[in-house]
Amino acid sequence: MAFPVAACTTDHPDTRQATQPLHSSSSSPATATAAPITTQPSAQKPPELDEGETFAGRQEVTSGNASIAYSKGRKGDALIVAVRCQGEGKIDVVVRPVHASFSQPCVADKISTIYNQVALTGADRGGVVSVEAPSAVRWSMTIGHGAPVQEESPEDG
């Protein structure tokens, strides 16, 4: 079964770059957001939400697997899942009940942060984010809700 997802990745710790959705089984759009990071993040501190986004859940620095419950948002809100990791390996993230998933590669000597915005039916409901990670990877997560980001059409750009 394929899961809808939106993902942003970082090739450099001071920038965020948007990417296209990785998996989708819904006609509803899943949108990635991007914004500059002004300072080098700490592996110990979970990512921060952007202004206007509301807090729904958080996991402090963790190694290995974990599940994090998150609270519901307002009708029409998108779900934001921000993950920070460091260590050699890959983490797999599954978001329920919106059936979204993504993977994030992590590097031993680099802190990686990825911000995902899922704008699908039901993203305003509460749920659980499950993470599978090798014990060598340290990760943290912040979950929030916010207004869906509108993608620019080719005519707008």
C-alpha atoms as a PDB file:
ATOM      1  CA  MET A   1       0.000   0.000   0.000  1.00  0.00           C
ATOM      2  CA  ALA A   2       1.390   3.417  -0.907  1.00  0.00           C
ATOM      3  CA  PHE A   3       1.062   6.289   1.532  1.00  0.00           C
ATOM      4  CA  PRO A   4       0.661  10.001   0.657  1.00  0.00           C
ATOM      5  CA  VAL A   5       3.556  12.133   1.818  1.00  0.00           C
ATOM      6  CA  ALA A   6       5.251  15.461   1.422  1.00  0.00           C
ATOM      7  CA  ALA A   7       8.844  15.985   2.349  1.00  0.00           C
ATOM      8  CA  CYS A   8      11.541  18.613   2.611  1.00  0.00           C
ATOM      9  CA  THR A   9      15.158  17.624   2.900  1.00  0.00           C
ATOM     10  CA  THR A  10      18.322  19.460   3.764  1.00  0.00           C
ATOM     11  CA  ASP A  11      21.625  19.029   1.967  1.00  0.00           C
ATOM     12  CA  HIS A  12      23.152  21.754   4.102  1.00  0.00           C
ATOM     13  CA  PRO A  13      22.170  22.382   7.743  1.00  0.00           C
ATOM     14  CA  ASP A  14      21.468  26.083   7.056  1.00  0.00           C
ATOM     15  CA  THR A  15      18.900  25.565   4.290  1.00  0.00           C
ATOM     16  CA  ARG A  16      15.685  23.710   3.586  1.00  0.00           C
ATOM     17  CA  GLN A  17      14.754  22.587   0.093  1.00  0.00           C
ATOM     18  CA  ALA A  18      11.305  21.434  -0.974  1.00  0.00           C
ATOM     19  CA  THR A  19      10.881  18.131  -2.779  1.00  0.00           C
ATOM     20  CA  GLN A  20       7.958  16.474  -4.530  1.00  0.00           C
ATOM     21  CA  PRO A  21       5.684  14.036  -2.664  1.00  0.00           C
ATOM     22  CA  LEU A  22       7.290  10.588  -2.345  1.00  0.00           C
ATOM     23  CA  HIS A  23       4.204   8.333  -2.232  1.00  0.00           C
ATOM     24  CA  SER A  24       0.574   9.122  -2.890  1.00  0.00           C
ATOM     25  CA  SER A  25      -2.634   7.115  -2.998  1.00  0.00           C
ATOM     26  CA  SER A  26      -4.993  10.088  -2.788  1.00  0.00           C
ATOM     27  CA  SER A  27      -5.993  12.833  -5.173  1.00  0.00           C
ATOM     28  CA  SER A  28      -5.672  15.383  -2.365  1.00  0.00           C
ATOM     29  CA  PRO A  29      -2.443  17.398  -2.553  1.00  0.00           C
ATOM     30  CA  ALA A  30       0.382  16.893  -0.077  1.00  0.00           C
ATOM     31  CA  THR A  31       2.621  19.939   0.032  1.00  0.00           C
ATOM     32  CA  ALA A  32       6.186  20.488   1.190  1.00  0.00           C
ATOM     33  CA  THR A  33       7.149  23.748   2.851  1.00  0.00           C
ATOM     34  CA  ALA A  34      10.551  25.397   2.923  1.00  0.00           C
ATOM     35  CA  ALA A  35      12.094  28.223   4.936  1.00  0.00           C
ATOM     36  CA  PRO A  36      15.655  29.265   5.774  1.00  0.00           C
ATOM     37  CA  ILE A  37      17.268  28.119   9.011  1.00  0.00           C
ATOM     38  CA  THR A  38      19.266  30.931  10.556  1.00  0.00           C
ATOM     39  CA  THR A  39      21.525  28.979  12.922  1.00  0.00           C
ATOM     40  CA  GLN A  40      23.009  25.482  13.183  1.00  0.00           C
ATOM     41  CA  PRO A  41      20.388  23.339  14.963  1.00  0.00           C
ATOM     42  CA  SER A  42      21.272  21.212  17.967  1.00  0.00           C
ATOM     43  CA  ALA A  43      20.725  17.454  17.700  1.00  0.00           C
ATOM     44  CA  GLN A  44      19.393  17.574  21.274  1.00  0.00           C
ATOM     45  CA  LYS A  45      16.591  20.063  20.536  1.00  0.00           C
ATOM     46  CA  PRO A  46      13.415  19.177  18.582  1.00  0.00           C
ATOM     47  CA  PRO A  47      12.673  21.371  15.540  1.00  0.00           C
ATOM     48  CA  GLU A  48      10.629  24.531  16.052  1.00  0.00           C
ATOM     49  CA  LEU A  49       7.358  25.264  14.273  1.00  0.00           C
ATOM     50  CA  ASP A  50       6.991  28.308  12.058  1.00  0.00           C
ATOM     51  CA  GLU A  51       5.013  31.364  13.144  1.00  0.00           C
ATOM     52  CA  GLY A  52       1.272  30.746  12.855  1.00  0.00           C
ATOM     53  CA  GLU A  53       1.565  26.966  13.304  1.00  0.00           C
ATOM     54  CA  THR A  54       0.081  25.400  16.447  1.00  0.00           C
ATOM     55  CA  PHE A  55       1.808  22.793  18.597  1.00  0.00           C
ATOM     56  CA  ALA A  56       0.293  19.276  18.586  1.00  0.00           C
ATOM     57  CA  GLY A  57       3.043  16.990  19.948  1.00  0.00           C
ATOM     58  CA  ARG A  58       6.775  16.569  20.590  1.00  0.00           C
ATOM     59  CA  GLN A  59       9.368  13.858  21.132  1.00  0.00           C
ATOM     60  CA  GLU A  60      12.611  14.867  22.820  1.00  0.00           C
ATOM     61  CA  VAL A  61      15.879  13.316  21.615  1.00  0.00           C
ATOM     62  CA  THR A  62      15.426   9.557  21.260  1.00  0.00           C
ATOM     63  CA  SER A  63      17.301   6.539  19.906  1.00  0.00           C
ATOM     64  CA  GLY A  64      15.456   3.617  18.352  1.00  0.00           C
ATOM     65  CA  ASN A  65      11.695   3.274  17.804  1.00  0.00           C
ATOM     66  CA  ALA A  66       8.921   5.375  19.331  1.00  0.00           C
ATOM     67  CA  SER A  67       5.302   6.463  18.788  1.00  0.00           C
ATOM     68  CA  ILE A  68       4.124  10.006  19.484  1.00  0.00           C
ATOM     69  CA  ALA A  69       0.465  10.957  19.910  1.00  0.00           C
ATOM     70  CA  TYR A  70      -0.603  14.338  18.562  1.00  0.00           C
ATOM     71  CA  SER A  71      -3.666  16.494  19.210  1.00  0.00           C
ATOM     72  CA  LYS A  72      -6.242  17.556  16.659  1.00  0.00           C
ATOM     73  CA  GLY A  73      -6.160  20.879  14.831  1.00  0.00           C
ATOM     74  CA  ARG A  74      -8.786  23.128  13.285  1.00  0.00           C
ATOM     75  CA  LYS A  75     -10.933  21.996  10.356  1.00  0.00           C
ATOM     76  CA  GLY A  76      -8.921  22.395   7.147  1.00  0.00           C
ATOM     77  CA  ASP A  77      -5.534  22.492   8.899  1.00  0.00           C
ATOM     78  CA  ALA A  78      -2.569  20.669   7.424  1.00  0.00           C
ATOM     79  CA  LEU A  79      -0.391  18.465   9.638  1.00  0.00           C
ATOM     80  CA  ILE A  80       3.275  19.427  10.088  1.00  0.00           C
ATOM     81  CA  VAL A  81       5.794  16.726  11.065  1.00  0.00           C
ATOM     82  CA  ALA A  82       9.314  18.092  11.666  1.00  0.00           C
ATOM     83  CA  VAL A  83      12.114  15.604  12.368  1.00  0.00           C
ATOM     84  CA  ARG A  84      15.755  16.227  13.300  1.00  0.00           C
ATOM     85  CA  CYS A  85      18.307  13.401  13.289  1.00  0.00           C
ATOM     86  CA  GLN A  86      21.990  12.578  13.561  1.00  0.00           C
ATOM     87  CA  GLY A  87      23.758   9.227  13.285  1.00  0.00           C
ATOM     88  CA  GLU A  88      24.396   6.692  10.554  1.00  0.00           C
ATOM     89  CA  GLY A  89      21.175   5.180   9.233  1.00  0.00           C
ATOM     90  CA  LYS A  90      17.672   5.925   8.011  1.00  0.00           C
ATOM     91  CA  ILE A  91      14.491   6.581   9.949  1.00  0.00           C
ATOM     92  CA  ASP A  92      11.040   5.596   8.699  1.00  0.00           C
ATOM     93  CA  VAL A  93       8.043   7.688   9.773  1.00  0.00           C
ATOM     94  CA  VAL A  94       4.367   6.648   9.486  1.00  0.00           C
ATOM     95  CA  VAL A  95       1.543   9.111  10.263  1.00  0.00           C
ATOM     96  CA  ARG A  96      -1.874   7.751  11.234  1.00  0.00           C
ATOM     97  CA  PRO A  97      -4.761   8.207  10.537  1.00  0.00           C
ATOM     98  CA  VAL A  98      -3.839  10.176   7.368  1.00  0.00           C
ATOM     99  CA  HIS A  99      -1.865   7.241   5.904  1.00  0.00           C
ATOM    100  CA  ALA A 100       1.268   9.264   5.163  1.00  0.00           C
ATOM    101  CA  SER A 101       4.841   8.036   5.418  1.00  0.00           C
ATOM    102  CA  PHE A 102       8.373   9.148   4.620  1.00  0.00           C
ATOM    103  CA  SER A 103      11.971   8.107   5.198  1.00  0.00           C
ATOM    104  CA  GLN A 104      14.805  10.355   6.251  1.00  0.00           C
ATOM    105  CA  PRO A 105      18.477   9.491   5.780  1.00  0.00           C
ATOM    106  CA  CYS A 106      20.671  10.465   8.722  1.00  0.00           C
ATOM    107  CA  VAL A 107      24.442  10.992   8.698  1.00  0.00           C
ATOM    108  CA  ALA A 108      26.881  10.371  11.560  1.00  0.00           C
ATOM    109  CA  ASP A 109      28.578  13.787  11.541  1.00  0.00           C
ATOM    110  CA  LYS A 110      25.720  15.994  10.290  1.00  0.00           C
ATOM    111  CA  ILE A 111      22.424  17.148  11.787  1.00  0.00           C
ATOM    112  CA  SER A 112      19.552  16.739   9.309  1.00  0.00           C
ATOM    113  CA  THR A 113      16.164  18.415   9.689  1.00  0.00           C
ATOM    114  CA  ILE A 114      13.146  17.659   7.522  1.00  0.00           C
ATOM    115  CA  TYR A 115       9.802  19.507   7.625  1.00  0.00           C
ATOM    116  CA  ASN A 116       6.762  17.771   6.151  1.00  0.00           C
ATOM    117  CA  GLN A 117       3.352  19.292   5.629  1.00  0.00           C
ATOM    118  CA  VAL A 118       0.540  16.853   4.913  1.00  0.00           C
ATOM    119  CA  ALA A 119      -2.531  18.565   3.465  1.00  0.00           C
ATOM    120  CA  LEU A 120      -4.940  15.629   3.151  1.00  0.00           C
ATOM    121  CA  THR A 121      -8.456  14.923   4.323  1.00  0.00           C
ATOM    122  CA  GLY A 122      -8.292  14.169   8.040  1.00  0.00           C
ATOM    123  CA  ALA A 123      -4.983  15.963   8.684  1.00  0.00           C
ATOM    124  CA  ASP A 124      -6.787  18.189  11.204  1.00  0.00           C
ATOM    125  CA  ARG A 125      -7.634  15.133  13.369  1.00  0.00           C
ATOM    126  CA  GLY A 126      -5.483  13.821  16.180  1.00  0.00           C
ATOM    127  CA  GLY A 127      -3.432  10.685  15.669  1.00  0.00           C
ATOM    128  CA  VAL A 128      -0.079   8.967  16.135  1.00  0.00           C
ATOM    129  CA  VAL A 129       3.297   9.288  14.423  1.00  0.00           C
ATOM    130  CA  SER A 130       5.396   6.108  14.587  1.00  0.00           C
ATOM    131  CA  VAL A 131       9.148   6.159  13.992  1.00  0.00           C
ATOM    132  CA  GLU A 132      11.411   3.197  13.271  1.00  0.00           C
ATOM    133  CA  ALA A 133      15.093   4.071  13.693  1.00  0.00           C
ATOM    134  CA  PRO A 134      18.334   2.188  14.305  1.00  0.00           C
ATOM    135  CA  SER A 135      19.789   2.608  17.796  1.00  0.00           C
ATOM    136  CA  ALA A 136      22.775   4.490  16.296  1.00  0.00           C
ATOM    137  CA  VAL A 137      20.478   7.344  15.167  1.00  0.00           C
ATOM    138  CA  ARG A 138      19.439  10.071  17.611  1.00  0.00           C
ATOM    139  CA  TRP A 139      16.294  11.915  16.576  1.00  0.00           C
ATOM    140  CA  SER A 140      13.674  14.355  17.849  1.00  0.00           C
ATOM    141  CA  MET A 141      10.328  15.485  16.461  1.00  0.00           C
ATOM    142  CA  THR A 142       7.813  18.308  16.652  1.00  0.00           C
ATOM    143  CA  ILE A 143       4.265  17.927  15.331  1.00  0.00           C
ATOM    144  CA  GLY A 144       1.938  20.820  14.603  1.00  0.00           C
ATOM    145  CA  HIS A 145      -1.010  22.080  12.590  1.00  0.00           C
ATOM    146  CA  GLY A 146      -1.172  25.039  10.242  1.00  0.00           C
ATOM    147  CA  ALA A 147      -2.780  26.475   7.143  1.00  0.00           C
ATOM    148  CA  PRO A 148      -1.972  24.441   4.028  1.00  0.00           C
ATOM    149  CA  VAL A 149       0.694  26.023   1.828  1.00  0.00           C
ATOM    150  CA  GLN A 150      -0.540  26.715  -1.677  1.00  0.00           C
ATOM    151  CA  GLU A 151       1.803  25.489  -4.395  1.00  0.00           C
ATOM    152  CA  GLU A 152       2.572  27.944  -7.186  1.00  0.00           C
ATOM    153  CA  SER A 153       1.349  26.960 -10.610  1.00  0.00           C
ATOM    154  CA  PRO A 154       3.856  27.206 -13.502  1.00  0.00           C
ATOM    155  CA  GLU A 155       2.045  30.332 -14.715  1.00  0.00           C
ATOM    156  CA  ASP A 156       2.621  32.043 -11.320  1.00  0.00           C
ATOM    157  CA  GLY A 157       6.350  31.382 -11.174  1.00  0.00           C
END
